Amino acid sequence: MVIVMSFILGIMEIGICLFTYNFVADAARLGTRYAMVRGSSCNATGSLCTTTTQTDVQSYLRGQSLPGITPASMTVTTTWPDTTGCAPSSSPCNNPGNHVIVAVKYQFPLSIPFVPASTVNLASTSEAVISN
């Protein structure tokens, strides 16, 4: 009975891990959307059009209430790989038409009975073209 219960709990834990991965992938898409609409030629009023940095994207994602994710365990890396139309000193180069890439990493604490505690590294990347 102990082996069967451990097996069932292990399957449930793997299901929770897959559930969490879904929200890691969603966080990458949310971060990309956040960065792509805050490009260098954004024309909205107010504080919506400040130049977005990697710290801004990470703060935004950590402020979201994503189920199954502890914000402090989430690492967000944002890059703007294109340099088209930017001076060498312009960082990030977030002109419309350039790309933004957001990579989210999360260490999921895996706890299955009778198995040593470990973590599963979950990661997802999303890329989009800056719209404005």
Foldseek 3Di string as FASTA:
>chain_A
DVVVVLVVVLVVLVVLVVVVLVLQQVLQVVLQVLQQQQFPPNDDDDPSNDHDDQVNSLVVSLPDDGPPANSVQKDKDKAFPDCPPHDPVDPPNRDAFTKMKIKIWGWAFGDGPPDDIDTDIRMHMDMDGRHD
